[in-house]
Protein backbone atom coordinates (compact mmCIF):
# COMPACT_ATOMS: atom_id res chain seq x y z
CA MET A 1 -27.84 12.76 22.42
CA VAL A 2 -27.74 9.03 21.79
CA GLU A 3 -30.48 9.74 19.19
CA ARG A 4 -28.27 12.60 17.59
CA VAL A 5 -25.08 10.07 17.31
CA TYR A 6 -27.44 7.49 15.83
CA LEU A 7 -28.72 9.82 13.17
CA LYS A 8 -25.33 10.99 12.46
CA THR A 9 -24.17 7.20 11.95
CA GLN A 10 -26.92 6.50 9.76
CA VAL A 11 -26.58 9.86 7.63
CA TYR A 12 -22.77 8.53 7.25
CA GLU A 13 -23.42 5.23 6.15
CA TYR A 14 -26.09 6.17 3.83
CA ILE A 15 -23.75 8.74 2.06
CA LYS A 16 -20.89 6.17 2.13
CA SER A 17 -22.85 3.23 0.73
CA ALA A 18 -24.36 5.56 -2.01
CA ILE A 19 -20.55 6.01 -2.99
CA VAL A 20 -19.09 2.77 -2.57
CA ASN A 21 -21.97 1.15 -4.69
CA ASN A 22 -21.52 3.26 -7.56
CA GLU A 23 -24.65 5.25 -7.00
CA LEU A 24 -23.57 8.86 -7.36
CA ASN A 25 -22.55 10.48 -10.66
CA SER A 26 -18.72 11.02 -10.47
CA GLU A 27 -19.24 14.27 -12.58
CA SER A 28 -21.57 15.96 -10.62
CA ILE A 29 -21.63 18.29 -7.22
CA TYR A 30 -24.02 17.30 -4.65
CA SER A 31 -25.29 20.05 -2.35
CA GLU A 32 -25.89 19.34 1.51
CA GLN A 33 -29.45 20.52 1.02
CA GLN A 34 -30.00 17.73 -1.87
CA PHE A 35 -29.03 14.92 0.89
CA ALA A 36 -31.05 16.74 3.74
CA ASP A 37 -34.18 16.89 1.55
CA LEU A 38 -33.78 13.42 0.54
CA LEU A 39 -33.17 11.93 4.08
CA ASN A 40 -35.38 14.46 5.86
CA VAL A 41 -32.96 15.97 8.22
CA SER A 42 -31.10 18.96 8.83
CA ARG A 43 -28.02 19.96 6.95
CA THR A 44 -25.90 19.54 9.87
CA PRO A 45 -25.51 15.78 10.12
CA ILE A 46 -24.92 16.01 6.25
CA ARG A 47 -22.13 18.57 6.70
CA GLU A 48 -20.82 16.30 9.57
CA ALA A 49 -20.78 13.22 7.21
CA VAL A 50 -19.43 14.96 4.30
CA LEU A 51 -16.37 15.98 6.67
CA ARG A 52 -15.48 12.66 7.53
CA LEU A 53 -15.80 11.23 4.33
CA ASN A 54 -13.79 13.81 3.03
CA GLN A 55 -11.10 13.09 5.64
CA GLU A 56 -11.29 9.17 4.36
CA LYS A 57 -10.51 10.70 0.99
CA LEU A 58 -13.89 9.55 -0.41
CA VAL A 59 -15.18 13.19 -1.54
CA THR A 60 -13.87 16.28 -2.37
CA ILE A 61 -15.50 19.44 -0.69
CA HIS A 62 -16.24 22.57 -3.09
CA PRO A 63 -16.84 25.58 -0.66
CA ASN A 64 -20.18 27.08 -0.97
CA LYS A 65 -21.17 24.57 -3.82
CA GLY A 66 -21.31 21.00 -2.03
CA PHE A 67 -19.02 18.00 -2.56
CA SER A 68 -18.26 15.26 -5.32
CA LEU A 69 -16.78 12.10 -5.44
CA ARG A 70 -12.96 11.96 -4.98
CA LEU A 71 -11.41 9.66 -7.69
CA MET A 72 -7.78 8.42 -7.34
CA ASN A 73 -5.30 10.00 -9.58
CA ARG A 74 -2.63 7.90 -11.43
CA LYS A 75 0.18 8.39 -8.60
CA GLU A 76 -2.46 7.27 -5.82
CA LEU A 77 -3.71 4.23 -8.07
CA ARG A 78 -0.12 3.16 -8.45
CA GLU A 79 0.59 3.48 -4.82
CA LEU A 80 -2.56 1.26 -4.14
CA PHE A 81 -1.30 -1.68 -6.21
CA GLU A 82 1.89 -1.51 -4.95
CA PHE A 83 0.58 -1.62 -1.50
CA ARG A 84 -1.53 -4.73 -2.56
CA TYR A 85 1.42 -6.47 -4.18
CA VAL A 86 3.59 -6.31 -1.33
CA LEU A 87 0.83 -7.22 1.35
CA GLU A 88 -0.54 -10.02 -0.88
CA GLY A 89 2.59 -11.12 -1.92
CA TYR A 90 3.96 -11.53 1.49
CA CYS A 91 0.76 -13.62 2.53
CA CYS A 92 0.96 -15.83 -0.61
CA GLN A 93 4.62 -16.95 0.22
CA LEU A 94 3.38 -17.94 3.72
CA ILE A 95 0.68 -20.25 2.09
CA VAL A 96 3.16 -21.92 -0.37
CA ASN A 97 5.46 -22.50 2.22
CA GLU A 98 3.08 -23.54 5.02
CA SER A 99 4.54 -26.88 6.59
CA ASP A 100 1.35 -28.05 7.94
CA GLY A 101 -0.35 -29.93 5.00
CA LEU A 102 -3.75 -30.24 6.48
CA LYS A 103 -3.89 -26.44 7.15
CA LYS A 104 -2.88 -25.72 3.55
CA ASP A 105 -5.25 -27.87 2.15
CA SER A 106 -8.15 -26.72 3.94
CA PHE A 107 -7.47 -23.18 3.20
CA ILE A 108 -7.08 -24.20 -0.57
CA ARG A 109 -10.60 -25.49 -0.34
CA GLU A 110 -11.81 -22.47 1.12
CA LEU A 111 -10.30 -20.75 -1.89
CA GLU A 112 -11.89 -22.98 -4.01
CA GLU A 113 -15.49 -22.58 -2.39
CA LEU A 114 -14.76 -18.93 -3.34
CA LEU A 115 -14.15 -19.80 -6.92
CA SER A 116 -17.21 -21.52 -7.24
CA LEU A 117 -19.35 -18.64 -5.95
CA GLU A 118 -17.30 -16.43 -8.35
CA GLU A 119 -18.10 -18.61 -11.13
CA GLU A 120 -21.89 -18.26 -10.33
CA THR A 121 -21.63 -14.40 -10.55
CA ILE A 122 -20.40 -14.66 -13.93
CA ASP A 123 -24.13 -15.55 -15.06
CA GLU A 124 -25.38 -12.24 -13.48
CA GLN A 125 -26.03 -9.46 -15.77
CA ASN A 126 -24.53 -6.12 -14.98
CA ASP A 127 -24.03 -6.83 -11.20
CA SER A 128 -20.69 -5.34 -11.10
CA LYS A 129 -21.06 -4.89 -7.15
CA HIS A 130 -21.62 -8.37 -6.61
CA HIS A 131 -18.46 -9.33 -8.77
CA MET A 132 -16.61 -6.78 -6.67
CA GLU A 133 -17.94 -8.37 -3.18
CA VAL A 134 -16.67 -11.92 -4.38
CA ASP A 135 -13.13 -10.55 -5.55
CA PHE A 136 -12.80 -8.74 -2.27
CA GLU A 137 -13.47 -11.75 -0.32
CA PHE A 138 -10.96 -13.83 -2.53
CA HIS A 139 -8.25 -11.51 -1.95
CA TYR A 140 -8.94 -10.60 1.80
CA LYS A 141 -9.02 -14.68 2.51
CA ILE A 142 -5.46 -14.64 1.39
CA ILE A 143 -4.72 -11.62 3.76
CA GLU A 144 -6.18 -13.24 6.53
CA TYR A 145 -3.72 -16.25 6.31
CA SER A 146 -1.19 -14.17 7.88
CA SER A 147 -3.08 -14.04 11.41
CA ASN A 148 -1.66 -10.37 11.48
CA SER A 149 -4.03 -8.13 12.57
CA LEU A 150 -2.09 -5.07 11.63
CA ILE A 151 -1.88 -6.39 7.89
CA SER A 152 -5.51 -7.33 7.76
CA ASN A 153 -6.98 -4.02 9.24
CA GLN A 154 -4.54 -1.87 6.88
CA TYR A 155 -5.81 -3.86 3.88
CA TYR A 156 -9.36 -3.77 5.12
CA ARG A 157 -9.27 -0.14 5.57
CA LEU A 158 -8.82 0.13 1.74
CA ARG A 159 -12.09 -1.84 1.03
CA ASN A 160 -14.13 1.20 -0.06
CA GLN A 161 -11.58 2.65 -2.38
CA MET A 162 -10.96 -0.80 -4.04
CA SER A 163 -14.60 -1.34 -4.07
CA ILE A 164 -15.08 1.87 -6.02
CA LEU A 165 -12.36 1.06 -8.57
CA GLY A 166 -13.35 -2.64 -8.76
CA ILE A 167 -16.92 -1.90 -9.63
CA GLU A 168 -15.76 0.24 -12.55
CA SER A 169 -13.36 -2.32 -13.86
CA TYR A 170 -15.95 -5.01 -13.83
CA LYS A 171 -18.08 -2.94 -16.07
CA ARG A 172 -15.59 -3.78 -18.83
CA LYS A 173 -17.03 -6.54 -20.88
CA GLY A 174 -15.03 -9.73 -20.37
CA ARG A 175 -13.15 -8.68 -17.14
CA PRO A 176 -15.49 -11.01 -14.75
CA LYS A 177 -14.42 -13.94 -16.48
CA GLN A 178 -10.82 -12.82 -16.67
CA THR A 179 -10.58 -11.93 -13.18
CA LEU A 180 -12.09 -15.54 -12.51
CA ASP A 181 -9.40 -17.36 -14.57
CA GLU A 182 -6.64 -15.17 -12.85
CA HIS A 183 -8.02 -16.05 -9.57
CA LYS A 184 -8.05 -19.84 -10.66
CA GLU A 185 -4.25 -19.51 -11.68
CA ILE A 186 -3.42 -17.86 -8.25
CA THR A 187 -5.18 -21.02 -6.30
CA ASN A 188 -3.37 -23.51 -8.53
CA ALA A 189 0.15 -21.61 -7.70
CA LEU A 190 -0.66 -21.67 -4.23
CA ARG A 191 -0.50 -25.45 -4.07
CA LYS A 192 3.07 -25.78 -5.32
CA LYS A 193 6.23 -25.33 -3.26
CA ASP A 194 7.47 -22.31 -5.41
CA ASP A 195 6.66 -19.16 -4.43
CA SER A 196 8.25 -17.20 -7.43
CA ILE A 197 5.40 -18.83 -9.61
CA VAL A 198 2.59 -17.52 -7.47
CA LEU A 199 4.24 -14.15 -7.14
CA LYS A 200 4.46 -13.94 -10.84
CA ILE A 201 1.05 -14.98 -11.47
CA LEU A 202 -0.14 -12.32 -8.62
CA ASN A 203 1.78 -9.42 -10.28
CA THR A 204 0.16 -10.06 -13.70
CA HIS A 205 -3.35 -10.25 -12.08
CA LEU A 206 -2.83 -7.10 -10.32
CA THR A 207 -1.16 -5.35 -13.35
CA ASN A 208 -4.02 -6.34 -15.34
CA ALA A 209 -6.43 -4.73 -12.98
CA GLU A 210 -4.23 -1.62 -12.77
CA ASP A 211 -3.84 -1.12 -16.52
CA ILE A 212 -7.62 -1.50 -17.17
CA LEU A 213 -8.45 1.12 -14.30
CA ALA A 214 -5.75 3.44 -15.68
CA SER A 215 -7.15 3.20 -19.15
CA MET A 216 -10.53 4.09 -18.37
CA GLU A 217 -9.84 8.05 -17.75
CA ILE A 218 -12.01 8.06 -14.68
CA ARG A 219 -9.20 9.62 -12.33
CA GLU A 220 -8.78 13.47 -11.73
């Protein structure tokens, strides 16, 4: 029983990783047998993994055919970015209005360390996955400042969808550098005592990302 549960988990993690890391073709339909042959397992753990991924809205099941990647439609994309603006905006306000100067300075230094790491990724050719990982860490660092587990958990649950979208957006020429510049603007604005400034910059940053994705015609 333990071995079967472990196998199910391995299969699920393998397929999910392939989806999140943009290793599957969004226009293809994959059969359970394809992955069963690839992983040298029966179709049962494949089917169970696909059902779970379908519940997580990462795949679409096609009866008697297989499954394909599930891409967000424009309404879902809009809702995702509205959700991000509300949560990240709230956390940015907490940082701007932090009364403990030492705590705030320490946090800003942590963001600057991430910016340095992000700058290093600019020189990496065609590594959209790495760009997205650093991008997520920057935004998640801001979310964690709330010390609110409900906010952090809800935001983290969207990591898979954001990774898929982010990898696509980072393929656009110049987007990594543009994102870095916008992250620097957010960090500089967080130092100030005017939350209207940081909210304006954050909104511009998220709007730019959404507009790029909406223009790429990758959604169903």
